[in-house]
Amino acid sequence: MESTRQKKVSRLIQKEIADIFLRKGSEYAPGKLISITKVRVSPDLSFARIYLSIFPSTNINDVLQNVQDHSTRIRFDLGHKVRTQLRIVPDIAFFIDDSLDYIEKIDRLLKS
């Protein structure tokens, strides 16, 4: 169960990371649209798991690898945005959110 502080920090990180990808997304994934679906923060607020949804869904693993390679720069940019709100900028890790693909698969199975 997430605490209220964890929820607030995760919403803040989601908003700021989304802004970073909006401004610099073409550097990390040219021709792709990256959206942040959810952020999970550890209880001590030192680690954040960021789930990405990538459109169009071709070469997802290549895009994820490129984003992971630039994670230190993304964390640095995040630190500049949240420096007045958080004492410690959490370590970040990126993961693919495949819930939309799962929903599409269930829909196809139900229709057939």
Protein backbone atom coordinates (compact mmCIF):
# COMPACT_ATOMS: atom_id res chain seq x y z
CA MET A 1 0.00 0.00 0.00
CA GLU A 2 1.42 3.32 -1.05
CA SER A 3 1.53 6.17 1.43
CA THR A 4 0.21 9.60 0.62
CA ARG A 5 3.74 10.94 0.29
CA GLN A 6 4.66 8.19 -2.17
CA LYS A 7 1.61 9.01 -4.28
CA LYS A 8 2.45 12.73 -4.32
CA VAL A 9 6.07 12.10 -5.25
CA SER A 10 5.10 9.63 -7.98
CA ARG A 11 2.64 12.14 -9.50
CA LEU A 12 5.29 14.85 -9.37
CA ILE A 13 7.88 12.62 -11.04
CA GLN A 14 5.37 11.48 -13.67
CA LYS A 15 4.50 15.07 -14.54
CA GLU A 16 8.11 16.25 -14.76
CA ILE A 17 9.40 13.21 -16.68
CA ALA A 18 6.52 13.61 -19.13
CA ASP A 19 7.57 17.22 -19.63
CA ILE A 20 11.17 16.12 -20.23
CA PHE A 21 10.04 13.59 -22.85
CA LEU A 22 7.79 16.20 -24.44
CA ARG A 23 10.70 18.59 -24.88
CA LYS A 24 13.54 16.14 -25.58
CA GLY A 25 11.72 13.01 -26.72
CA SER A 26 13.04 13.29 -30.26
CA GLU A 27 16.60 12.88 -28.92
CA TYR A 28 15.77 9.60 -27.20
CA ALA A 29 13.32 8.15 -29.72
CA PRO A 30 13.09 9.92 -33.07
CA GLY A 31 9.71 9.41 -34.72
CA LYS A 32 8.14 7.91 -31.60
CA LEU A 33 5.70 9.21 -29.03
CA ILE A 34 6.66 8.28 -25.47
CA SER A 35 4.14 8.67 -22.68
CA ILE A 36 4.54 7.93 -18.99
CA THR A 37 1.76 5.61 -17.86
CA LYS A 38 2.68 5.21 -14.20
CA VAL A 39 5.44 5.75 -11.69
CA ARG A 40 6.03 3.58 -8.64
CA VAL A 41 8.20 5.00 -5.86
CA SER A 42 9.87 2.94 -3.13
CA PRO A 43 8.77 3.57 0.48
CA ASP A 44 11.99 5.48 1.26
CA LEU A 45 11.54 7.60 -1.91
CA SER A 46 15.00 6.65 -3.18
CA PHE A 47 14.00 4.62 -6.24
CA ALA A 48 11.37 5.17 -8.93
CA ARG A 49 10.14 2.66 -11.50
CA ILE A 50 8.87 4.53 -14.55
CA TYR A 51 6.58 2.72 -16.98
CA LEU A 52 6.60 3.92 -20.59
CA SER A 53 4.11 3.51 -23.39
CA ILE A 54 5.64 3.92 -26.84
CA PHE A 55 3.72 4.64 -30.04
CA PRO A 56 4.08 3.32 -32.72
CA SER A 57 4.95 0.01 -31.15
CA THR A 58 7.76 -1.02 -33.49
CA ASN A 59 11.31 -1.46 -32.19
CA ILE A 60 10.15 -0.96 -28.60
CA ASN A 61 13.20 -2.68 -27.13
CA ASP A 62 15.58 -0.44 -29.08
CA VAL A 63 13.77 2.67 -27.83
CA LEU A 64 13.77 1.36 -24.26
CA GLN A 65 17.50 0.64 -24.46
CA ASN A 66 18.16 4.15 -25.79
CA VAL A 67 16.12 5.69 -22.97
CA GLN A 68 17.94 3.55 -20.40
CA ASP A 69 21.28 4.65 -21.86
CA HIS A 70 20.24 8.28 -21.31
CA SER A 71 18.75 7.69 -17.84
CA THR A 72 21.52 9.62 -16.07
CA ARG A 73 20.81 12.70 -18.20
CA ILE A 74 17.06 12.33 -17.64
CA ARG A 75 17.64 12.05 -13.87
CA PHE A 76 19.84 15.17 -14.01
CA ASP A 77 17.07 17.10 -15.81
CA LEU A 78 14.54 15.78 -13.31
CA GLY A 79 16.75 17.00 -10.46
CA HIS A 80 16.74 20.52 -11.87
CA LYS A 81 12.95 20.51 -12.10
CA VAL A 82 12.21 19.14 -8.61
CA ARG A 83 15.08 20.59 -6.61
CA THR A 84 12.79 22.81 -4.55
CA GLN A 85 10.29 20.03 -3.83
CA LEU A 86 12.42 16.95 -3.13
CA ARG A 87 15.52 16.68 -1.01
CA ILE A 88 16.86 13.62 -2.84
CA VAL A 89 16.19 12.86 -6.48
CA PRO A 90 15.37 9.15 -6.69
CA ASP A 91 17.27 6.71 -8.88
CA ILE A 92 15.15 5.89 -11.90
CA ALA A 93 14.59 2.77 -13.96
CA PHE A 94 12.49 2.52 -17.10
CA PHE A 95 10.17 -0.33 -18.03
CA ILE A 96 7.73 -0.96 -20.86
CA ASP A 97 4.06 -0.81 -19.86
CA ASP A 98 2.41 -3.51 -21.92
CA SER A 99 -1.07 -3.12 -20.43
CA LEU A 100 -2.47 -1.61 -23.66
CA ASP A 101 -1.13 -4.52 -25.70
CA TYR A 102 -2.67 -6.89 -23.16
CA ILE A 103 -6.05 -5.14 -23.47
CA GLU A 104 -5.92 -5.35 -27.27
CA LYS A 105 -5.09 -9.05 -27.08
CA ILE A 106 -8.03 -9.70 -24.74
CA ASP A 107 -10.36 -7.75 -27.07
CA ARG A 108 -9.23 -9.77 -30.09
CA LEU A 109 -9.75 -13.01 -28.20
CA LEU A 110 -13.23 -11.99 -27.07
CA LYS A 111 -14.25 -10.94 -30.59
CA SER A 112 -13.06 -14.20 -32.17
